[in-house]
Amino acid sequence: MPWIMTTTASNKIEAYSFDVMSKSPQKKFKLVVLQSVIEAPKSSFILTPKLLNELKLNNVAVFDSKKEARIEYNKLNIGTCRYIELKLDFTKEFLSNHVWYGSKSNGSWVQHIPM
């Protein structure tokens, strides 16, 4: 699952925005307030299309693992941060059309995908 870094100094949810591909030893960053966050248990956020778009527009660094985020944290020269996991949210439509929820209906968005 993907990870982002947020600050611990504010009540607002502020993520670190910076260029991960930069080769300079001292990276410049800015804090971006995230508006469309749905919090999930265990220090994680639900990754919705709105949040994904917001992360992209604000150039928030997204990492493949917590280990990669820690490596970048050391390059940023900041005091403390929180590592937040982004978890996928399955839509009600998706869940209601699968066997483990007891429904075998074929009326799904999958039928409308052109082959």
N, C-alpha and C. Protein backbone atom coordinates (compact mmCIF):
# COMPACT_ATOMS: atom_id res chain seq x y z
N MET A 1 0.82 -1.18 0.00
CA MET A 1 0.00 0.00 0.00
C MET A 1 0.87 1.25 0.00
N PRO A 2 0.39 2.32 -0.58
CA PRO A 2 1.16 3.57 -0.61
C PRO A 2 1.17 4.29 0.73
N TRP A 3 2.18 5.13 0.93
CA TRP A 3 2.37 5.89 2.16
C TRP A 3 2.64 7.35 1.84
N ILE A 4 2.21 8.26 2.73
CA ILE A 4 2.57 9.67 2.65
C ILE A 4 3.08 10.10 4.02
N MET A 5 3.71 11.27 4.06
CA MET A 5 4.19 11.82 5.33
C MET A 5 3.36 13.06 5.67
N THR A 6 2.94 13.16 6.93
CA THR A 6 2.21 14.33 7.40
C THR A 6 2.91 14.90 8.63
N THR A 7 2.59 16.14 8.95
CA THR A 7 3.19 16.78 10.11
C THR A 7 2.45 16.40 11.38
N THR A 8 3.14 16.48 12.49
CA THR A 8 2.52 16.21 13.79
C THR A 8 2.27 17.50 14.56
N ALA A 9 2.66 18.64 13.99
CA ALA A 9 2.63 19.91 14.71
C ALA A 9 1.30 20.65 14.61
N SER A 10 0.34 20.13 13.88
CA SER A 10 -0.90 20.86 13.65
C SER A 10 -2.11 19.96 13.86
N ASN A 11 -3.25 20.57 14.16
CA ASN A 11 -4.49 19.81 14.24
C ASN A 11 -5.04 19.51 12.85
N LYS A 12 -4.66 20.33 11.87
CA LYS A 12 -5.06 20.10 10.49
C LYS A 12 -4.20 18.96 9.93
N ILE A 13 -4.70 18.33 8.89
CA ILE A 13 -3.92 17.28 8.25
C ILE A 13 -3.10 17.93 7.14
N GLU A 14 -1.81 18.07 7.40
CA GLU A 14 -0.89 18.71 6.46
C GLU A 14 0.13 17.69 5.98
N ALA A 15 0.21 17.52 4.67
CA ALA A 15 1.15 16.56 4.08
C ALA A 15 2.35 17.30 3.52
N TYR A 16 3.46 16.60 3.44
CA TYR A 16 4.68 17.17 2.89
C TYR A 16 4.65 17.06 1.37
N SER A 17 4.84 18.19 0.72
CA SER A 17 4.87 18.26 -0.73
C SER A 17 6.29 18.62 -1.17
N PHE A 18 6.90 17.75 -1.97
CA PHE A 18 8.25 18.01 -2.47
C PHE A 18 8.53 17.11 -3.66
N ASP A 19 9.61 17.41 -4.37
CA ASP A 19 9.99 16.64 -5.55
C ASP A 19 10.86 15.46 -5.12
N VAL A 20 10.31 14.27 -5.20
CA VAL A 20 11.03 13.07 -4.79
C VAL A 20 12.19 12.78 -5.73
N MET A 21 12.07 13.16 -6.98
CA MET A 21 13.09 12.85 -7.98
C MET A 21 14.29 13.79 -7.92
N SER A 22 14.23 14.82 -7.12
CA SER A 22 15.33 15.78 -7.01
C SER A 22 16.58 15.09 -6.48
N LYS A 23 17.73 15.40 -7.09
CA LYS A 23 18.99 14.78 -6.71
C LYS A 23 19.75 15.57 -5.64
N SER A 24 19.26 16.75 -5.29
CA SER A 24 19.99 17.57 -4.32
C SER A 24 19.95 16.92 -2.93
N PRO A 25 21.03 17.05 -2.17
CA PRO A 25 21.06 16.42 -0.84
C PRO A 25 20.08 17.06 0.15
N GLN A 26 19.82 18.36 0.01
CA GLN A 26 18.86 19.06 0.88
C GLN A 26 17.61 19.38 0.06
N LYS A 27 16.52 18.69 0.32
CA LYS A 27 15.29 18.89 -0.45
C LYS A 27 14.44 19.98 0.18
N LYS A 28 13.80 20.78 -0.68
CA LYS A 28 12.88 21.81 -0.22
C LYS A 28 11.47 21.24 -0.24
N PHE A 29 10.71 21.57 0.79
CA PHE A 29 9.35 21.06 0.90
C PHE A 29 8.41 22.17 1.31
N LYS A 30 7.12 21.90 1.17
CA LYS A 30 6.10 22.78 1.72
C LYS A 30 5.00 21.89 2.30
N LEU A 31 4.27 22.44 3.25
CA LEU A 31 3.16 21.71 3.86
C LEU A 31 1.87 22.08 3.16
N VAL A 32 1.09 21.08 2.81
CA VAL A 32 -0.16 21.26 2.09
C VAL A 32 -1.29 20.71 2.95
N VAL A 33 -2.32 21.51 3.17
CA VAL A 33 -3.49 21.05 3.95
C VAL A 33 -4.35 20.18 3.05
N LEU A 34 -4.64 18.97 3.51
CA LEU A 34 -5.50 18.05 2.76
C LEU A 34 -6.94 18.22 3.23
N GLN A 35 -7.85 18.47 2.29
CA GLN A 35 -9.24 18.75 2.61
C GLN A 35 -10.14 17.51 2.57
N SER A 36 -9.90 16.63 1.62
CA SER A 36 -10.83 15.51 1.39
C SER A 36 -10.31 14.20 1.98
N VAL A 37 -10.04 14.22 3.28
CA VAL A 37 -9.49 13.05 3.95
C VAL A 37 -10.58 12.32 4.73
N ILE A 38 -10.61 11.01 4.56
CA ILE A 38 -11.46 10.15 5.37
C ILE A 38 -10.50 9.26 6.15
N GLU A 39 -10.49 9.44 7.46
CA GLU A 39 -9.54 8.68 8.28
C GLU A 39 -10.05 7.27 8.52
N ALA A 40 -9.10 6.34 8.54
CA ALA A 40 -9.37 4.93 8.81
C ALA A 40 -8.57 4.53 10.05
N PRO A 41 -8.83 3.37 10.60
CA PRO A 41 -8.08 2.95 11.79
C PRO A 41 -6.58 2.76 11.52
N LYS A 42 -5.81 2.77 12.58
CA LYS A 42 -4.37 2.49 12.55
C LYS A 42 -3.58 3.49 11.70
N SER A 43 -3.78 4.77 11.92
CA SER A 43 -3.03 5.83 11.21
C SER A 43 -3.06 5.64 9.70
N SER A 44 -4.24 5.56 9.15
CA SER A 44 -4.36 5.42 7.70
C SER A 44 -5.52 6.27 7.20
N PHE A 45 -5.47 6.55 5.90
CA PHE A 45 -6.53 7.28 5.22
C PHE A 45 -7.12 6.38 4.15
N ILE A 46 -8.40 6.58 3.85
CA ILE A 46 -9.02 5.85 2.76
C ILE A 46 -8.72 6.62 1.47
N LEU A 47 -8.18 5.91 0.51
CA LEU A 47 -7.79 6.52 -0.76
C LEU A 47 -9.00 6.60 -1.68
N THR A 48 -9.59 7.77 -1.75
CA THR A 48 -10.74 8.02 -2.61
C THR A 48 -10.26 8.76 -3.86
N PRO A 49 -11.08 8.81 -4.91
CA PRO A 49 -10.68 9.57 -6.09
C PRO A 49 -10.40 11.05 -5.77
N LYS A 50 -11.19 11.64 -4.86
CA LYS A 50 -10.96 13.05 -4.49
C LYS A 50 -9.61 13.24 -3.83
N LEU A 51 -9.27 12.35 -2.91
CA LEU A 51 -7.98 12.45 -2.22
C LEU A 51 -6.84 12.21 -3.19
N LEU A 52 -6.98 11.24 -4.08
CA LEU A 52 -5.93 10.97 -5.06
C LEU A 52 -5.69 12.19 -5.95
N ASN A 53 -6.77 12.84 -6.38
CA ASN A 53 -6.65 14.04 -7.20
C ASN A 53 -5.99 15.17 -6.41
N GLU A 54 -6.35 15.31 -5.15
CA GLU A 54 -5.77 16.35 -4.30
C GLU A 54 -4.27 16.12 -4.09
N LEU A 55 -3.87 14.87 -3.89
CA LEU A 55 -2.45 14.55 -3.73
C LEU A 55 -1.68 14.90 -5.00
N LYS A 56 -2.28 14.58 -6.14
CA LYS A 56 -1.62 14.86 -7.43
C LYS A 56 -1.50 16.36 -7.68
N LEU A 57 -2.56 17.11 -7.45
CA LEU A 57 -2.54 18.55 -7.70
C LEU A 57 -1.55 19.28 -6.79
N ASN A 58 -1.40 18.80 -5.56
CA ASN A 58 -0.51 19.45 -4.60
C ASN A 58 0.90 18.88 -4.59
N ASN A 59 1.18 17.93 -5.48
CA ASN A 59 2.51 17.32 -5.59
C ASN A 59 2.97 16.70 -4.27
N VAL A 60 2.06 16.02 -3.59
CA VAL A 60 2.39 15.33 -2.34
C VAL A 60 3.13 14.04 -2.70
N ALA A 61 4.26 13.83 -2.04
CA ALA A 61 5.07 12.65 -2.31
C ALA A 61 4.37 11.40 -1.79
N VAL A 62 4.22 10.39 -2.66
CA VAL A 62 3.60 9.12 -2.30
C VAL A 62 4.67 8.04 -2.45
N PHE A 63 4.80 7.19 -1.44
CA PHE A 63 5.86 6.19 -1.41
C PHE A 63 5.28 4.78 -1.45
N ASP A 64 6.06 3.85 -2.01
CA ASP A 64 5.63 2.45 -2.09
C ASP A 64 5.64 1.76 -0.74
N SER A 65 6.52 2.19 0.14
CA SER A 65 6.63 1.54 1.45
C SER A 65 6.99 2.57 2.51
N LYS A 66 6.79 2.19 3.74
CA LYS A 66 7.14 3.06 4.86
C LYS A 66 8.66 3.25 4.93
N LYS A 67 9.40 2.24 4.52
CA LYS A 67 10.86 2.31 4.52
C LYS A 67 11.35 3.41 3.57
N GLU A 68 10.75 3.48 2.38
CA GLU A 68 11.12 4.53 1.41
C GLU A 68 10.78 5.92 1.96
N ALA A 69 9.65 6.03 2.64
CA ALA A 69 9.27 7.31 3.24
C ALA A 69 10.26 7.73 4.31
N ARG A 70 10.76 6.79 5.08
CA ARG A 70 11.75 7.11 6.12
C ARG A 70 13.06 7.58 5.51
N ILE A 71 13.45 7.01 4.40
CA ILE A 71 14.68 7.45 3.72
C ILE A 71 14.55 8.90 3.29
N GLU A 72 13.42 9.27 2.71
CA GLU A 72 13.18 10.65 2.28
C GLU A 72 13.06 11.59 3.48
N TYR A 73 12.48 11.11 4.56
CA TYR A 73 12.35 11.90 5.79
C TYR A 73 13.73 12.37 6.26
N ASN A 74 14.71 11.50 6.20
CA ASN A 74 16.07 11.86 6.62
C ASN A 74 16.68 12.94 5.73
N LYS A 75 16.28 13.01 4.47
CA LYS A 75 16.79 14.03 3.54
C LYS A 75 16.11 15.38 3.72
N LEU A 76 14.92 15.41 4.34
CA LEU A 76 14.16 16.65 4.46
C LEU A 76 14.61 17.54 5.61
N ASN A 77 15.31 17.00 6.57
CA ASN A 77 15.79 17.76 7.72
C ASN A 77 14.63 18.42 8.48
N ILE A 78 13.65 17.60 8.84
CA ILE A 78 12.51 18.07 9.63
C ILE A 78 12.54 17.37 10.99
N GLY A 79 11.82 17.95 11.95
CA GLY A 79 11.82 17.39 13.31
C GLY A 79 11.14 16.05 13.41
N THR A 80 9.83 16.04 13.25
CA THR A 80 9.06 14.80 13.35
C THR A 80 8.02 14.75 12.25
N CYS A 81 7.57 13.57 11.95
CA CYS A 81 6.48 13.42 10.99
C CYS A 81 5.72 12.15 11.33
N ARG A 82 4.57 12.03 10.71
CA ARG A 82 3.73 10.84 10.86
C ARG A 82 3.67 10.15 9.51
N TYR A 83 3.79 8.85 9.50
CA TYR A 83 3.67 8.08 8.27
C TYR A 83 2.24 7.56 8.18
N ILE A 84 1.57 7.89 7.08
CA ILE A 84 0.16 7.54 6.90
C ILE A 84 0.03 6.57 5.73
N GLU A 85 -0.61 5.45 5.99
CA GLU A 85 -0.87 4.47 4.93
C GLU A 85 -2.16 4.84 4.21
N LEU A 86 -2.17 4.71 2.89
CA LEU A 86 -3.37 4.98 2.09
C LEU A 86 -4.00 3.64 1.74
N LYS A 87 -5.22 3.43 2.18
CA LYS A 87 -5.90 2.16 1.95
C LYS A 87 -7.00 2.34 0.92
N LEU A 88 -7.14 1.36 0.04
CA LEU A 88 -8.17 1.42 -0.98
C LEU A 88 -9.54 1.19 -0.36
N ASP A 89 -10.53 1.87 -0.91
CA ASP A 89 -11.90 1.73 -0.45
C ASP A 89 -12.72 1.10 -1.57
N PHE A 90 -13.28 -0.07 -1.29
CA PHE A 90 -14.12 -0.71 -2.28
C PHE A 90 -15.51 -0.09 -2.21
N THR A 91 -16.02 0.26 -3.36
CA THR A 91 -17.32 0.93 -3.40
C THR A 91 -18.45 -0.04 -3.08
N LYS A 92 -19.56 0.51 -2.69
CA LYS A 92 -20.74 -0.29 -2.37
C LYS A 92 -21.17 -1.10 -3.59
N GLU A 93 -21.07 -0.51 -4.76
CA GLU A 93 -21.44 -1.19 -6.01
C GLU A 93 -20.59 -2.43 -6.20
N PHE A 94 -19.30 -2.30 -5.98
CA PHE A 94 -18.38 -3.42 -6.16
C PHE A 94 -18.67 -4.53 -5.15
N LEU A 95 -18.83 -4.16 -3.89
CA LEU A 95 -19.04 -5.16 -2.85
C LEU A 95 -20.38 -5.87 -2.97
N SER A 96 -21.41 -5.17 -3.42
CA SER A 96 -22.74 -5.77 -3.49
C SER A 96 -22.88 -6.76 -4.63
N ASN A 97 -21.96 -6.77 -5.58
CA ASN A 97 -22.05 -7.66 -6.72
C ASN A 97 -21.12 -8.86 -6.63
N HIS A 98 -20.63 -9.15 -5.46
CA HIS A 98 -19.71 -10.28 -5.33
C HIS A 98 -20.26 -11.32 -4.36
N VAL A 99 -19.85 -12.54 -4.57
CA VAL A 99 -20.39 -13.70 -3.87
C VAL A 99 -20.29 -13.57 -2.35
N TRP A 100 -19.18 -13.02 -1.84
CA TRP A 100 -19.02 -12.99 -0.39
C TRP A 100 -20.02 -12.08 0.31
N TYR A 101 -20.79 -11.32 -0.44
CA TYR A 101 -21.88 -10.54 0.15
C TYR A 101 -23.24 -11.13 -0.19
N GLY A 102 -23.23 -12.33 -0.75
CA GLY A 102 -24.47 -13.05 -0.97
C GLY A 102 -25.24 -12.67 -2.21
N SER A 103 -24.71 -11.80 -3.04
CA SER A 103 -25.42 -11.38 -4.24
C SER A 103 -24.69 -11.88 -5.47
N LYS A 104 -25.44 -12.51 -6.38
CA LYS A 104 -24.84 -12.99 -7.62
C LYS A 104 -25.44 -12.26 -8.81
N SER A 105 -25.91 -11.06 -8.60
CA SER A 105 -26.54 -10.31 -9.68
C SER A 105 -25.52 -9.93 -10.74
N ASN A 106 -25.98 -9.81 -11.95
CA ASN A 106 -25.10 -9.43 -13.06
C ASN A 106 -25.24 -7.96 -13.43
N GLY A 107 -26.08 -7.22 -12.74
CA GLY A 107 -26.27 -5.81 -13.04
C GLY A 107 -25.13 -4.99 -12.47
N SER A 108 -24.02 -4.97 -13.16
CA SER A 108 -22.83 -4.33 -12.62
C SER A 108 -22.23 -3.38 -13.63
N TRP A 109 -21.37 -2.50 -13.15
CA TRP A 109 -20.65 -1.58 -14.01
C TRP A 109 -19.69 -2.33 -14.92
N VAL A 110 -19.34 -3.58 -14.59
CA VAL A 110 -18.41 -4.36 -15.40
C VAL A 110 -19.01 -4.65 -16.77
N GLN A 111 -20.33 -4.80 -16.85
CA GLN A 111 -20.99 -5.10 -18.12
C GLN A 111 -20.84 -3.96 -19.12
N HIS A 112 -20.60 -2.76 -18.66
CA HIS A 112 -20.57 -1.60 -19.54
C HIS A 112 -19.17 -1.30 -20.08
N ILE A 113 -18.20 -2.13 -19.73
CA ILE A 113 -16.84 -1.91 -20.23
C ILE A 113 -16.75 -2.48 -21.64
N PRO A 114 -16.41 -1.64 -22.65
CA PRO A 114 -16.30 -2.14 -24.02
C PRO A 114 -15.09 -3.07 -24.16
N MET A 115 -15.29 -4.15 -24.86
CA MET A 115 -14.20 -5.13 -25.06
C MET A 115 -13.59 -4.96 -26.43
